[in-house]
Every structure is written in structure tokens, then in C-alpha cells.
N, C-alpha and C. Protein backbone atom coordinates (compact mmCIF):
# COMPACT_ATOMS: atom_id res chain seq x y z
N MET A 1 37.48 154.18 -35.73
CA MET A 1 37.92 154.29 -34.15
C MET A 1 38.73 152.74 -34.08
N THR A 2 39.58 152.57 -33.37
CA THR A 2 40.45 151.47 -33.08
C THR A 2 40.03 150.74 -31.58
N ALA A 3 40.03 149.60 -31.43
CA ALA A 3 39.95 149.07 -29.87
C ALA A 3 41.16 149.48 -29.22
N PRO A 4 41.20 149.68 -27.71
CA PRO A 4 42.45 149.67 -27.28
C PRO A 4 43.35 148.54 -27.23
N VAL A 5 44.72 148.77 -26.85
CA VAL A 5 45.93 147.73 -26.99
C VAL A 5 46.28 148.03 -25.91
N LYS A 6 46.16 146.96 -25.04
CA LYS A 6 46.69 146.70 -23.84
C LYS A 6 48.23 146.37 -23.99
N ARG A 7 48.87 147.16 -23.04
CA ARG A 7 50.64 146.78 -22.95
C ARG A 7 51.05 147.27 -21.97
N SER A 8 52.21 146.15 -21.78
CA SER A 8 52.88 146.49 -20.43
C SER A 8 54.00 147.26 -20.46
N ILE A 9 53.95 148.18 -19.58
CA ILE A 9 55.19 149.26 -19.65
C ILE A 9 55.80 149.71 -17.96
N VAL A 10 57.10 150.08 -18.13
CA VAL A 10 57.65 150.28 -16.56
C VAL A 10 57.48 151.72 -16.48
N VAL A 11 56.91 151.91 -15.34
CA VAL A 11 56.70 153.49 -14.99
C VAL A 11 57.11 153.65 -13.55
N ALA A 12 58.06 154.28 -13.33
CA ALA A 12 58.67 154.79 -12.29
C ALA A 12 59.21 153.12 -11.50
N GLY A 13 59.78 152.56 -12.43
CA GLY A 13 60.22 151.21 -11.96
C GLY A 13 59.60 150.19 -11.62
N HIS A 14 57.94 150.36 -11.81
CA HIS A 14 56.89 149.08 -11.63
C HIS A 14 56.46 149.02 -13.11
N GLN A 15 56.09 147.60 -13.25
CA GLN A 15 55.49 147.22 -14.38
C GLN A 15 54.00 147.24 -14.36
N THR A 16 53.32 147.70 -15.33
CA THR A 16 51.97 147.88 -15.10
C THR A 16 51.23 147.80 -16.40
N SER A 17 50.14 147.79 -16.79
CA SER A 17 49.49 147.63 -17.91
C SER A 17 48.72 148.94 -18.19
N ILE A 18 49.03 149.70 -19.48
CA ILE A 18 48.05 150.50 -20.01
C ILE A 18 47.19 150.02 -21.21
N SER A 19 46.07 150.55 -21.19
CA SER A 19 45.52 150.27 -22.73
C SER A 19 45.14 151.65 -23.18
N LEU A 20 45.53 151.50 -24.63
CA LEU A 20 45.51 152.87 -25.59
C LEU A 20 45.15 152.18 -26.55
N GLU A 21 44.26 153.43 -27.56
CA GLU A 21 44.19 152.93 -29.29
C GLU A 21 45.90 153.28 -29.64
N LYS A 22 45.54 152.65 -30.65
CA LYS A 22 47.02 152.36 -31.72
C LYS A 22 47.68 153.76 -31.95
N PRO A 23 46.82 154.56 -32.58
CA PRO A 23 47.24 155.98 -32.77
C PRO A 23 47.85 156.34 -31.83
N PHE A 24 47.40 156.36 -30.45
CA PHE A 24 47.61 157.26 -29.17
C PHE A 24 49.28 156.63 -28.82
N TRP A 25 49.22 155.15 -29.11
CA TRP A 25 50.87 154.54 -29.02
C TRP A 25 51.67 154.99 -29.89
N GLU A 26 51.10 155.17 -31.07
CA GLU A 26 52.11 155.58 -31.90
C GLU A 26 52.37 157.04 -31.72
N ALA A 27 51.70 157.91 -31.45
CA ALA A 27 52.06 159.42 -31.22
C ALA A 27 52.81 159.19 -29.89
N LEU A 28 52.65 158.87 -28.86
CA LEU A 28 53.38 158.44 -27.55
C LEU A 28 54.87 158.23 -27.88
N ALA A 29 54.92 157.16 -28.76
CA ALA A 29 56.44 156.66 -29.33
C ALA A 29 56.91 157.63 -29.91
N GLY A 30 56.44 158.39 -30.63
CA GLY A 30 56.77 159.49 -31.49
C GLY A 30 57.17 160.62 -30.57
N LEU A 31 56.70 161.11 -29.81
CA LEU A 31 57.05 162.05 -28.84
C LEU A 31 58.21 161.66 -28.02
N ALA A 32 58.16 160.69 -27.57
CA ALA A 32 59.36 159.98 -27.16
C ALA A 32 60.60 160.09 -27.56
N LYS A 33 60.70 159.74 -28.93
CA LYS A 33 61.71 159.52 -30.04
C LYS A 33 62.14 161.31 -30.12
N SER A 34 61.06 161.62 -30.38
CA SER A 34 61.56 163.48 -30.60
C SER A 34 62.08 164.12 -29.40
N ARG A 35 61.97 163.65 -28.26
CA ARG A 35 62.64 164.40 -27.06
C ARG A 35 63.87 163.38 -26.68
N ASP A 36 64.14 162.14 -27.71
CA ASP A 36 65.46 161.43 -27.12
C ASP A 36 65.20 160.76 -25.85
N MET A 37 63.93 160.26 -25.36
CA MET A 37 63.95 159.54 -24.43
C MET A 37 63.24 158.17 -24.93
N SER A 38 63.29 157.07 -23.87
CA SER A 38 62.19 155.85 -24.07
C SER A 38 60.90 155.95 -23.57
N LEU A 39 60.08 155.51 -24.21
CA LEU A 39 58.82 155.42 -23.74
C LEU A 39 58.47 155.20 -22.42
N ASN A 40 59.15 154.61 -21.85
CA ASN A 40 58.84 154.15 -20.27
C ASN A 40 59.14 155.52 -19.51
N LYS A 41 60.40 156.30 -20.09
CA LYS A 41 60.88 157.53 -19.27
C LYS A 41 59.81 158.38 -19.08
N LEU A 42 59.11 158.64 -20.67
CA LEU A 42 58.14 159.72 -21.11
C LEU A 42 57.17 159.42 -20.31
N VAL A 43 56.67 158.26 -20.14
CA VAL A 43 55.45 157.84 -19.51
C VAL A 43 55.38 158.28 -18.11
N THR A 44 56.44 157.90 -17.48
CA THR A 44 57.07 157.91 -16.18
C THR A 44 57.12 159.63 -15.78
N GLU A 45 57.30 160.44 -16.63
CA GLU A 45 57.59 161.84 -16.27
C GLU A 45 55.65 162.30 -16.59
N ILE A 46 55.50 161.79 -17.17
CA ILE A 46 53.83 162.05 -17.38
C ILE A 46 53.50 161.53 -16.07
N ASP A 47 53.49 160.50 -15.68
CA ASP A 47 52.89 159.58 -14.39
C ASP A 47 52.88 160.38 -13.11
N ARG A 48 54.01 161.31 -13.25
CA ARG A 48 54.45 162.02 -11.95
C ARG A 48 53.50 163.44 -11.74
N HIS A 49 53.02 163.69 -12.87
CA HIS A 49 52.31 164.99 -12.59
C HIS A 49 50.40 164.80 -13.02
N ARG A 50 50.47 163.57 -13.15
CA ARG A 50 48.97 163.38 -13.31
C ARG A 50 48.01 163.05 -11.95
N GLU A 51 46.73 163.30 -12.16
CA GLU A 51 45.94 163.22 -10.76
C GLU A 51 44.73 162.33 -11.34
N GLY A 52 44.48 162.17 -12.28
CA GLY A 52 43.42 161.11 -12.52
C GLY A 52 43.84 159.69 -13.10
N ASN A 53 43.04 159.31 -14.09
CA ASN A 53 43.49 157.71 -14.72
C ASN A 53 44.64 158.15 -15.63
N LEU A 54 45.74 157.05 -15.57
CA LEU A 54 47.04 157.23 -16.37
C LEU A 54 46.46 157.20 -18.00
N SER A 55 45.78 156.08 -18.21
CA SER A 55 45.51 156.22 -20.00
C SER A 55 44.70 157.47 -20.39
N SER A 56 43.75 157.81 -19.21
CA SER A 56 43.05 159.41 -19.74
C SER A 56 44.09 160.35 -19.98
N THR A 57 45.03 160.51 -18.93
CA THR A 57 46.07 161.44 -18.78
C THR A 57 47.11 161.38 -20.10
N LEU A 58 47.27 160.30 -20.47
CA LEU A 58 48.33 159.98 -21.56
C LEU A 58 47.54 160.38 -22.89
N ARG A 59 46.25 159.95 -23.09
CA ARG A 59 45.57 160.72 -24.15
C ARG A 59 45.66 162.41 -24.04
N VAL A 60 45.32 162.86 -23.17
CA VAL A 60 45.22 164.08 -23.15
C VAL A 60 46.74 164.66 -23.28
N TYR A 61 47.41 164.34 -22.72
CA TYR A 61 49.07 164.89 -23.17
C TYR A 61 49.47 164.67 -24.57
N VAL A 62 49.21 163.33 -25.37
CA VAL A 62 49.22 163.57 -26.89
C VAL A 62 48.53 164.69 -27.28
N LEU A 63 47.13 164.81 -27.08
CA LEU A 63 46.28 165.87 -27.66
C LEU A 63 47.02 167.03 -27.67
N LYS A 64 47.27 167.57 -26.19
CA LYS A 64 47.72 168.64 -25.95
C LYS A 64 49.47 168.98 -26.73
N SER A 65 50.10 167.96 -26.92
CA SER A 65 51.31 167.97 -27.39
C SER A 65 51.40 168.07 -29.09
N LEU A 66 50.06 167.71 -29.51
CA LEU A 66 50.02 167.62 -31.05
C LEU A 66 49.60 169.16 -31.24
N GLN A 67 48.51 169.78 -30.44
CA GLN A 67 47.83 171.10 -30.26
C GLN A 67 49.34 171.96 -30.73
N GLU A 68 50.02 171.84 -29.82
CA GLU A 68 51.20 172.62 -29.46
C GLU A 68 52.11 172.77 -30.57
N GLN A 69 52.28 171.34 -31.42
CA GLN A 69 53.03 171.41 -32.73
C GLN A 69 52.36 171.88 -33.76
N ASN A 70 51.02 172.17 -33.71
CA ASN A 70 50.45 172.92 -34.84
C ASN A 70 50.09 174.30 -34.74
N LYS A 71 50.42 175.15 -33.66
CA LYS A 71 50.12 176.13 -33.56
C LYS A 71 51.36 177.00 -34.36
């Protein structure tokens, strides 16, 4: 297990801090790259559809994305 890493990111034009473990940051960056978009844009899109905590929503998004790739 790795400790959460806090990063500043721009979400919908507003700067915010998000804490995620390093593997989740790496996976999000890879997903953004594979979709030919910036990390900020990907997180903004995910944020538009969330109902709870952003960090938790991002973790679930990464998990679901990786599960879809492995089907």
C-alpha cells in the first residue's frame, strides 16, 4: 500500500486538491493519455457525473476502466 499523494488540479476552471495513492494517479494519467486529453480535462469530465467524494469517485472510475479493458 502507498500513502495518498495530494496534488493540485484544475477542475472545471477551479483549482482544488485531490489525494490519491500513486498507482491511481498513474492510472488516471494513462487513461487521460489514451483518450488524448489532459488529466485536468479527464477529472473535470468525471467530476461532472459524480455524486460523492471526488477522490473516491476517481478511484472507482479507474477500477471500472481497468476492468473494462480486461474484458
